[in-house]
N, C-alpha and C. Protein backbone atom coordinates (compact mmCIF):
# COMPACT_ATOMS: atom_id res chain seq x y z
N ALA A 1 8.15 -12.22 -18.02
CA ALA A 1 8.66 -10.58 -18.57
C ALA A 1 9.21 -9.96 -17.26
N LEU A 2 9.09 -10.07 -16.48
CA LEU A 2 9.20 -9.46 -15.44
C LEU A 2 10.79 -9.30 -15.64
N ALA A 3 11.81 -10.20 -15.34
CA ALA A 3 13.01 -10.53 -15.15
C ALA A 3 13.21 -9.66 -15.92
N ARG A 4 14.67 -9.00 -15.39
CA ARG A 4 15.54 -7.87 -16.25
C ARG A 4 16.68 -8.01 -16.12
N THR A 5 17.52 -7.53 -16.74
CA THR A 5 19.01 -7.56 -16.39
C THR A 5 19.73 -6.45 -16.52
N ALA A 6 19.81 -5.27 -15.48
CA ALA A 6 20.16 -3.78 -16.16
C ALA A 6 20.75 -3.42 -14.69
N GLU A 7 21.31 -2.47 -14.88
CA GLU A 7 22.30 -1.64 -14.18
C GLU A 7 21.40 -0.76 -13.36
N ALA A 8 21.70 -0.33 -12.67
CA ALA A 8 21.02 1.05 -11.75
C ALA A 8 21.17 1.78 -11.69
N THR A 9 19.92 3.23 -12.20
CA THR A 9 20.17 4.22 -12.22
C THR A 9 21.58 5.21 -12.01
N GLU A 10 22.04 6.06 -12.24
CA GLU A 10 23.23 6.92 -11.45
C GLU A 10 22.54 7.98 -12.13
N ALA A 11 22.02 8.44 -10.83
CA ALA A 11 21.60 10.32 -11.23
C ALA A 11 22.39 11.51 -10.06
N ARG A 12 22.96 12.49 -10.34
CA ARG A 12 23.85 13.27 -9.73
C ARG A 12 23.55 14.55 -10.41
N VAL A 13 23.50 15.77 -9.53
CA VAL A 13 23.77 16.88 -9.06
C VAL A 13 25.15 17.35 -9.78
N PHE A 14 24.66 17.92 -11.20
CA PHE A 14 26.14 18.53 -11.89
C PHE A 14 26.26 20.32 -11.54
N THR A 15 27.05 20.79 -11.37
CA THR A 15 27.51 22.12 -10.89
C THR A 15 28.35 22.97 -11.67
N ASP A 16 27.94 23.78 -12.76
CA ASP A 16 29.62 24.41 -12.77
C ASP A 16 28.78 26.25 -12.86
N GLU A 17 29.14 27.26 -13.51
CA GLU A 17 29.09 28.39 -13.78
C GLU A 17 27.84 28.97 -14.59
N ARG A 18 27.27 27.91 -15.04
CA ARG A 18 25.65 27.86 -15.36
C ARG A 18 24.87 27.86 -14.02
N GLY A 19 24.76 27.11 -13.60
CA GLY A 19 23.85 26.97 -12.25
C GLY A 19 24.28 24.71 -12.35
N HIS A 20 22.86 24.63 -11.53
CA HIS A 20 22.90 23.11 -11.17
C HIS A 20 22.15 22.61 -12.12
N LYS A 21 22.40 21.25 -12.22
CA LYS A 21 21.67 20.39 -13.50
C LYS A 21 21.47 18.80 -13.15
N LEU A 22 20.12 18.16 -12.64
CA LEU A 22 20.26 16.76 -12.54
C LEU A 22 21.03 16.44 -14.36
N VAL A 23 21.91 14.98 -13.53
CA VAL A 23 22.65 14.30 -14.48
C VAL A 23 22.22 12.80 -14.61
N VAL A 24 21.05 11.76 -15.48
CA VAL A 24 21.49 10.58 -15.03
C VAL A 24 21.24 10.00 -16.15
N ASP A 25 22.60 8.48 -15.60
CA ASP A 25 23.08 8.21 -16.53
C ASP A 25 23.76 8.78 -17.99
N GLY A 26 24.24 9.91 -17.67
CA GLY A 26 25.21 10.31 -18.38
C GLY A 26 24.83 11.68 -19.20
N ALA A 27 23.20 11.65 -18.87
CA ALA A 27 21.88 12.99 -19.67
C ALA A 27 21.91 13.63 -18.86
N GLU A 28 22.04 15.24 -19.64
CA GLU A 28 21.13 16.18 -18.49
C GLU A 28 19.56 15.68 -18.98
N VAL A 29 19.19 16.14 -17.45
CA VAL A 29 17.57 16.00 -17.23
C VAL A 29 16.58 16.65 -16.87
N MET A 30 15.80 17.48 -17.49
CA MET A 30 14.88 18.70 -16.97
C MET A 30 14.14 17.19 -16.63
N VAL A 31 13.43 17.04 -15.06
CA VAL A 31 12.47 16.69 -14.40
C VAL A 31 11.19 17.47 -14.75
N ARG A 32 10.38 16.96 -15.63
CA ARG A 32 9.01 16.95 -16.00
C ARG A 32 8.07 15.77 -15.28
N GLY A 33 7.88 15.83 -13.86
CA GLY A 33 7.19 15.02 -13.15
C GLY A 33 5.59 15.43 -12.54
N MET A 34 5.33 14.06 -11.89
CA MET A 34 3.93 14.15 -11.39
C MET A 34 3.66 12.95 -10.02
N ASN A 35 2.90 13.51 -8.96
CA ASN A 35 2.73 12.30 -8.51
C ASN A 35 1.52 11.16 -9.00
N TRP A 36 1.92 10.06 -9.18
CA TRP A 36 1.01 9.29 -9.87
C TRP A 36 0.46 8.22 -9.36
N GLY A 37 -1.01 7.86 -8.90
CA GLY A 37 -0.97 6.67 -8.17
C GLY A 37 -2.52 5.82 -8.69
N TYR A 38 -3.28 4.60 -9.06
CA TYR A 38 -4.12 4.29 -9.25
C TYR A 38 -4.73 3.89 -8.26
N SER A 39 -6.03 4.14 -7.77
CA SER A 39 -7.22 3.55 -7.43
C SER A 39 -8.86 3.69 -8.12
N PRO A 40 -9.53 2.43 -7.92
CA PRO A 40 -10.41 2.20 -8.96
C PRO A 40 -11.45 3.24 -8.05
N ILE A 41 -12.33 3.31 -9.26
CA ILE A 41 -13.80 4.31 -8.40
C ILE A 41 -13.61 3.93 -7.01
N GLY A 42 -14.41 4.28 -6.31
CA GLY A 42 -15.07 3.80 -4.89
C GLY A 42 -13.98 3.02 -3.90
N TRP A 43 -12.92 3.10 -4.20
CA TRP A 43 -11.94 2.88 -3.38
C TRP A 43 -10.96 3.89 -2.72
N ASN A 44 -10.34 3.79 -1.95
CA ASN A 44 -9.18 4.98 -1.01
C ASN A 44 -7.71 4.29 -1.00
N TYR A 45 -7.12 5.53 -0.12
CA TYR A 45 -5.51 4.89 0.05
C TYR A 45 -5.91 3.30 0.27
N SER A 46 -6.28 2.55 1.18
CA SER A 46 -6.35 1.29 1.08
C SER A 46 -5.82 0.53 0.01
N TYR A 47 -6.38 0.88 -1.23
CA TYR A 47 -6.22 -0.10 -2.42
C TYR A 47 -4.84 -0.16 -3.15
N SER A 48 -4.48 -0.78 -3.16
CA SER A 48 -2.85 -0.92 -3.99
C SER A 48 -3.06 -1.87 -5.11
N LEU A 49 -2.55 -1.51 -5.89
CA LEU A 49 -2.51 -1.90 -7.21
C LEU A 49 -1.25 -2.70 -6.90
N TRP A 50 -0.09 -2.99 -6.63
CA TRP A 50 0.97 -3.71 -6.40
C TRP A 50 0.46 -5.06 -5.44
N ALA A 51 -0.89 -5.10 -5.30
CA ALA A 51 -1.41 -6.29 -4.64
C ALA A 51 -2.00 -7.14 -5.41
N GLN A 52 -2.22 -6.78 -6.79
CA GLN A 52 -2.87 -7.61 -8.01
C GLN A 52 -1.98 -8.35 -8.42
N PRO A 53 -2.94 -9.28 -9.40
CA PRO A 53 -2.32 -10.23 -10.52
C PRO A 53 -1.61 -9.20 -11.54
N ASP A 54 -0.09 -9.74 -11.97
CA ASP A 54 0.56 -9.01 -12.71
C ASP A 54 0.22 -8.60 -14.36
N ALA A 55 -0.96 -9.48 -14.44
CA ALA A 55 -1.44 -9.40 -15.73
C ALA A 55 -2.34 -7.95 -15.70
N PHE A 56 -3.55 -7.85 -14.50
CA PHE A 56 -3.81 -6.56 -13.82
C PHE A 56 -2.58 -5.04 -14.55
N VAL A 57 -1.84 -5.52 -13.22
CA VAL A 57 -0.81 -4.21 -13.30
C VAL A 57 -0.26 -3.70 -14.25
N GLU A 58 -0.29 -4.46 -14.89
CA GLU A 58 1.02 -4.68 -16.92
C GLU A 58 -0.53 -3.76 -17.31
N ARG A 59 -1.78 -4.53 -17.54
CA ARG A 59 -2.95 -3.38 -18.14
C ARG A 59 -2.86 -2.49 -17.65
N VAL A 60 -2.92 -1.74 -16.85
CA VAL A 60 -3.16 -0.72 -16.20
C VAL A 60 -2.08 0.22 -16.27
N LEU A 61 -0.66 0.05 -16.03
CA LEU A 61 0.48 0.44 -16.25
C LEU A 61 0.92 0.86 -18.30
N HIS A 62 -0.12 -0.03 -18.57
CA HIS A 62 0.56 0.47 -20.64
C HIS A 62 -0.54 1.58 -20.68
N ARG A 63 -2.13 1.71 -20.23
CA ARG A 63 -2.55 2.59 -19.94
C ARG A 63 -1.95 3.88 -19.75
N ASP A 64 -1.77 3.52 -18.39
CA ASP A 64 -1.21 5.25 -17.59
C ASP A 64 0.17 5.43 -18.58
N MET A 65 0.93 5.06 -18.17
CA MET A 65 1.93 5.09 -18.17
C MET A 65 2.11 5.37 -19.82
N ALA A 66 1.37 4.86 -20.97
CA ALA A 66 1.30 5.67 -22.32
C ALA A 66 0.89 6.98 -22.40
N LEU A 67 -0.18 7.74 -21.58
CA LEU A 67 -0.46 8.29 -21.35
C LEU A 67 0.09 9.75 -20.95
N LEU A 68 0.93 8.90 -19.69
CA LEU A 68 1.79 9.98 -19.28
C LEU A 68 3.11 10.49 -20.15
N ARG A 69 3.39 9.60 -20.75
CA ARG A 69 4.64 9.03 -21.73
C ARG A 69 3.62 10.42 -22.32
N ALA A 70 2.76 10.68 -23.23
CA ALA A 70 2.39 11.21 -24.52
C ALA A 70 2.36 12.50 -23.73
N MET A 71 2.08 12.99 -23.04
CA MET A 71 1.85 14.51 -22.09
C MET A 71 3.52 14.81 -21.37
N GLY A 72 4.31 13.94 -21.86
CA GLY A 72 5.37 14.20 -21.51
C GLY A 72 6.46 14.39 -20.49
N VAL A 73 6.01 13.67 -19.65
CA VAL A 73 6.40 13.14 -18.18
C VAL A 73 7.34 11.96 -18.41
N ASN A 74 8.55 12.44 -17.65
CA ASN A 74 9.62 11.26 -17.46
C ASN A 74 9.87 11.29 -16.33
N MET A 75 9.30 11.15 -15.12
CA MET A 75 9.26 10.43 -13.90
C MET A 75 7.93 10.59 -13.37
N ILE A 76 7.69 9.78 -12.06
CA ILE A 76 6.91 9.69 -11.43
C ILE A 76 7.27 9.35 -9.83
N ARG A 77 6.26 10.43 -8.78
CA ARG A 77 6.63 10.01 -7.20
C ARG A 77 6.14 8.82 -6.94
N GLN A 78 6.52 8.00 -5.95
CA GLN A 78 5.94 6.85 -5.63
C GLN A 78 6.12 6.13 -4.38
N GLY A 79 5.61 5.91 -3.29
CA GLY A 79 5.64 5.25 -1.97
C GLY A 79 6.44 4.57 -2.17
N PRO A 80 7.13 4.03 -0.70
CA PRO A 80 7.76 2.62 -0.95
C PRO A 80 7.44 1.38 -0.82
N ASP A 81 5.95 1.52 -1.51
CA ASP A 81 5.07 0.25 -1.12
C ASP A 81 4.98 -0.08 -2.99
N ILE A 82 5.51 0.57 -4.14
CA ILE A 82 6.21 -0.13 -5.20
C ILE A 82 7.10 -0.99 -5.68
N PRO A 83 6.90 -2.35 -5.88
CA PRO A 83 7.78 -3.29 -5.78
C PRO A 83 9.12 -2.24 -6.78
N PRO A 84 10.49 -2.95 -6.96
CA PRO A 84 11.48 -2.63 -7.26
C PRO A 84 10.74 -2.97 -8.82
N ARG A 85 10.08 -4.15 -8.86
CA ARG A 85 10.48 -5.18 -10.42
C ARG A 85 9.45 -4.19 -11.06
N TRP A 86 8.32 -3.35 -10.42
CA TRP A 86 8.03 -2.17 -11.34
C TRP A 86 8.45 -0.72 -11.78
N VAL A 87 9.14 -0.99 -11.07
CA VAL A 87 9.70 0.86 -10.76
C VAL A 87 10.67 0.29 -12.12
N SER A 88 11.31 -0.82 -12.04
CA SER A 88 12.16 -1.16 -13.75
C SER A 88 11.25 -1.54 -14.90
N TRP A 89 9.99 -2.00 -14.40
CA TRP A 89 9.17 -2.32 -15.69
C TRP A 89 9.15 -0.93 -16.41
N ILE A 90 8.53 0.08 -15.39
CA ILE A 90 8.17 1.27 -15.94
C ILE A 90 8.73 2.09 -16.67
N HIS A 91 10.27 2.04 -15.91
CA HIS A 91 11.73 2.75 -17.03
C HIS A 91 11.83 1.69 -18.15
N HIS A 92 11.84 0.44 -17.88
CA HIS A 92 12.82 -0.32 -19.88
C HIS A 92 11.38 0.42 -20.79
N GLU A 93 10.06 -0.20 -20.15
CA GLU A 93 8.70 -0.06 -21.06
C GLU A 93 8.58 1.65 -21.54
N TYR A 94 8.68 2.51 -20.73
CA TYR A 94 7.94 3.50 -21.31
C TYR A 94 9.95 4.66 -20.77
N GLY A 95 10.41 4.60 -20.53
CA GLY A 95 11.30 5.77 -19.91
C GLY A 95 10.92 6.58 -18.91
N ILE A 96 10.25 6.15 -18.19
CA ILE A 96 9.78 7.04 -17.05
C ILE A 96 10.44 6.86 -15.93
N TYR A 97 11.02 7.70 -15.04
CA TYR A 97 11.86 7.42 -13.82
C TYR A 97 10.88 7.36 -12.72
N THR A 98 12.00 6.69 -11.73
CA THR A 98 10.61 6.82 -10.16
C THR A 98 11.21 7.65 -9.24
N MET A 99 11.08 8.53 -9.01
CA MET A 99 11.44 9.02 -7.40
C MET A 99 10.20 7.96 -6.15
N ILE A 100 11.13 8.13 -5.34
CA ILE A 100 10.80 7.09 -4.29
C ILE A 100 10.57 8.10 -2.87
N ASN A 101 9.23 8.07 -2.47
CA ASN A 101 8.85 8.96 -1.94
C ASN A 101 8.42 8.12 -0.16
N HIS A 102 9.17 8.63 0.79
CA HIS A 102 9.69 8.03 2.37
C HIS A 102 9.05 9.36 3.41
N THR A 103 7.73 9.00 3.57
CA THR A 103 7.17 10.29 4.00
C THR A 103 7.24 10.21 5.54
N MET A 104 8.45 10.08 5.83
CA MET A 104 9.25 10.52 7.36
C MET A 104 8.30 10.59 8.57
N GLY A 105 7.11 9.76 8.65
CA GLY A 105 6.78 10.01 9.27
C GLY A 105 5.78 10.96 9.56
N ARG A 106 5.53 11.39 8.39
CA ARG A 106 4.01 12.33 7.81
C ARG A 106 2.78 11.95 8.71
N TYR A 107 2.26 10.52 9.01
CA TYR A 107 1.34 10.04 9.05
C TYR A 107 1.47 9.19 10.31
N GLY A 108 2.23 9.25 11.27
CA GLY A 108 2.47 8.81 12.25
C GLY A 108 3.86 7.93 12.08
N VAL A 109 3.99 7.20 13.45
CA VAL A 109 5.15 6.32 13.21
C VAL A 109 5.37 4.83 14.37
N THR A 110 6.04 3.37 13.87
CA THR A 110 5.65 3.12 14.84
C THR A 110 7.09 2.64 15.96
N VAL A 111 7.22 2.73 17.09
CA VAL A 111 8.01 2.84 17.37
C VAL A 111 8.07 1.50 18.76
N ASP A 112 8.81 0.90 18.26
CA ASP A 112 8.77 -0.77 19.13
C ASP A 112 7.12 -0.93 19.32
N GLY A 113 6.68 -1.40 17.90
CA GLY A 113 5.47 -1.90 17.91
C GLY A 113 4.22 -0.86 18.88
N VAL A 114 4.58 -0.05 18.81
CA VAL A 114 3.24 0.98 19.14
C VAL A 114 3.33 1.92 18.07
N TRP A 115 1.88 2.01 17.70
CA TRP A 115 1.66 2.86 16.71
C TRP A 115 1.60 4.50 17.70
N HIS A 116 2.41 5.49 16.96
CA HIS A 116 1.96 6.61 17.39
C HIS A 116 1.63 7.73 16.26
N GLY A 117 0.18 8.73 16.59
CA GLY A 117 -0.56 8.81 15.67
C GLY A 117 0.11 10.10 14.78
N GLN A 118 0.76 11.29 15.62
CA GLN A 118 1.24 11.92 15.33
C GLN A 118 3.05 11.90 16.21
N THR A 119 3.80 12.04 14.66
CA THR A 119 5.26 11.72 15.05
C THR A 119 6.19 13.16 16.04
N ASN A 120 6.85 13.26 17.30
CA ASN A 120 7.25 13.53 17.63
C ASN A 120 8.49 13.71 17.19
N TYR A 121 8.84 14.76 16.17
CA TYR A 121 10.52 14.14 15.80
C TYR A 121 11.74 14.89 16.83
N ALA A 122 11.07 14.96 17.85
CA ALA A 122 12.01 15.66 18.95
C ALA A 122 12.40 14.27 19.56
N ASP A 123 11.40 13.22 19.73
CA ASP A 123 12.17 12.26 20.38
C ASP A 123 12.71 11.18 20.08
N PRO A 124 14.13 10.62 19.96
CA PRO A 124 15.22 10.43 19.80
C PRO A 124 14.43 8.70 19.49
N ALA A 125 13.99 8.39 20.44
CA ALA A 125 13.58 6.55 19.60
C ALA A 125 12.24 6.84 18.51
N GLN A 126 11.36 8.07 18.45
CA GLN A 126 11.41 8.06 17.46
C GLN A 126 11.68 8.22 15.99
N ARG A 127 12.85 9.22 16.13
CA ARG A 127 13.74 9.61 14.90
C ARG A 127 14.41 7.85 14.62
N ALA A 128 14.89 7.71 15.32
CA ALA A 128 15.96 6.41 15.34
C ALA A 128 14.94 5.17 14.57
N ALA A 129 13.24 5.25 15.18
CA ALA A 129 12.81 4.03 13.98
C ALA A 129 12.28 5.07 12.79
N LEU A 130 12.50 6.20 12.42
CA LEU A 130 12.22 6.71 11.02
C LEU A 130 13.40 6.51 10.05
N LEU A 131 14.83 6.79 10.79
CA LEU A 131 15.81 6.72 9.97
C LEU A 131 16.00 5.25 9.97
N ALA A 132 15.95 3.76 10.87
CA ALA A 132 15.57 2.66 10.16
C ALA A 132 15.01 1.94 9.18
N GLU A 133 13.47 2.72 9.14
CA GLU A 133 12.65 2.83 8.40
C GLU A 133 13.67 3.61 7.17
N ILE A 134 13.47 4.16 7.08
CA ILE A 134 14.78 4.87 5.56
C ILE A 134 15.70 3.91 5.22
N ILE A 135 16.67 3.78 6.02
CA ILE A 135 17.59 3.20 5.58
C ILE A 135 16.82 1.68 4.73
N GLU A 136 16.02 1.10 5.73
CA GLU A 136 15.24 -0.73 4.84
C GLU A 136 14.63 0.00 3.64
N VAL A 137 14.56 1.20 3.08
CA VAL A 137 14.18 1.79 1.89
C VAL A 137 15.02 1.75 1.11
N VAL A 138 15.95 2.53 1.41
CA VAL A 138 17.16 3.02 0.32
C VAL A 138 17.65 0.84 0.04
N GLU A 139 17.76 0.42 0.91
CA GLU A 139 18.32 -0.63 0.78
C GLU A 139 17.22 -1.82 -0.14
N ARG A 140 16.08 -1.19 0.18
CA ARG A 140 15.20 -2.05 -1.19
C ARG A 140 15.37 -1.84 -2.34
N TYR A 141 15.54 -0.72 -2.35
CA TYR A 141 15.50 -0.13 -4.45
C TYR A 141 17.19 0.13 -4.61
N ARG A 142 18.18 -0.16 -3.71
CA ARG A 142 19.07 0.07 -4.25
C ARG A 142 19.81 -0.95 -5.41
N GLY A 143 20.02 -0.48 -6.26
CA GLY A 143 20.58 -0.65 -7.81
C GLY A 143 19.26 -1.27 -8.85
N THR A 144 18.23 -0.27 -7.86
CA THR A 144 16.85 -0.79 -9.22
C THR A 144 17.21 -0.18 -10.29
N GLU A 145 17.10 0.04 -11.71
CA GLU A 145 16.73 -0.13 -12.23
C GLU A 145 15.73 1.36 -12.46
N GLY A 146 15.64 2.66 -12.93
CA GLY A 146 15.09 4.02 -13.07
C GLY A 146 14.77 4.40 -11.48
N VAL A 147 15.04 4.29 -10.56
CA VAL A 147 15.35 4.66 -9.19
C VAL A 147 16.29 6.25 -9.39
N VAL A 148 15.74 7.64 -9.41
CA VAL A 148 16.51 8.48 -9.96
C VAL A 148 16.81 9.33 -8.40
N MET A 149 15.85 9.13 -7.87
CA MET A 149 15.67 9.86 -6.65
C MET A 149 14.99 9.69 -5.34
N TRP A 150 15.18 10.81 -4.29
CA TRP A 150 14.73 10.09 -3.08
C TRP A 150 14.07 11.60 -2.51
N LEU A 151 12.57 11.01 -1.83
CA LEU A 151 11.96 12.64 -1.19
C LEU A 151 11.73 12.52 -0.30
N LEU A 152 12.22 12.92 0.93
CA LEU A 152 12.45 12.60 2.44
C LEU A 152 10.95 13.41 2.91
N GLY A 153 10.21 12.92 3.25
CA GLY A 153 9.17 13.64 4.09
C GLY A 153 7.56 14.20 2.91
N ASN A 154 6.78 15.01 3.45
CA ASN A 154 5.46 15.23 3.10
C ASN A 154 4.70 16.15 4.11
N GLU A 155 4.69 16.96 3.73
CA GLU A 155 4.42 18.30 4.57
C GLU A 155 4.24 18.14 6.27
N ASN A 156 5.58 17.68 6.27
CA ASN A 156 5.63 17.38 7.67
C ASN A 156 5.31 18.68 8.13
N ASN A 157 5.45 19.64 8.08
CA ASN A 157 5.00 20.88 9.34
C ASN A 157 3.11 20.57 9.71
N TYR A 158 2.76 19.82 9.19
CA TYR A 158 1.63 19.60 9.31
C TYR A 158 1.19 18.69 10.28
N ASP A 159 0.22 18.78 11.37
CA ASP A 159 -0.29 17.52 12.27
C ASP A 159 -1.50 17.18 11.49
N ALA A 160 -1.67 16.31 12.07
CA ALA A 160 -2.94 14.99 12.14
C ALA A 160 -3.85 16.07 11.83
N THR A 161 -4.43 16.93 12.38
CA THR A 161 -5.86 17.75 11.81
C THR A 161 -5.33 18.69 10.78
N GLY A 162 -4.15 19.01 10.10
CA GLY A 162 -4.37 20.07 9.12
C GLY A 162 -3.32 21.04 9.54
N ALA A 163 -3.43 21.41 11.10
CA ALA A 163 -2.94 22.60 11.14
C ALA A 163 -1.17 22.85 11.69
N PRO A 164 -0.89 23.60 11.09
CA PRO A 164 0.49 24.33 11.60
C PRO A 164 1.26 23.57 12.53
N ARG A 165 1.88 23.34 12.43
CA ARG A 165 2.49 22.99 13.78
C ARG A 165 3.52 23.92 14.33
N ALA A 166 3.39 23.76 15.34
CA ALA A 166 4.21 25.30 16.23
C ALA A 166 5.82 24.73 16.00
N SER A 167 6.32 25.77 16.12
CA SER A 167 7.65 25.25 15.78
C SER A 167 8.35 25.75 17.65
């Protein structure tokens, strides 16, 4: 039931004398979004819903997306670990769009096989590695129905301890 033939979602920011508005597939959209994730009780960030059997993933999504839709949510924020097929499934089944969030090194970056726990955005090699990751993510979701926008970064002005970085 996951195979779908649909066109990519087209989103644009339209500007006129009244200001800016998001237009998705030709219709104005007021974003009513939230960050959504699933972790069973007792698990942490290492749990992946997307690694579970399809039937389980569908049960979770049916339950949670129905609740989100009932509260008026029309967009969720997801990291680039959600398989494109589930983005399309969520959109097709519940009309909920997805914003894909690449954290741009917020939690570290790998350069030439070496992990750097704190990203140095002034380092050309680290910037190049992040850019390559972002391009890979964009290519992965290219043409995916339901992807409406991208979020790049997540509180990147904080270091690993949570303290603000010096400018």
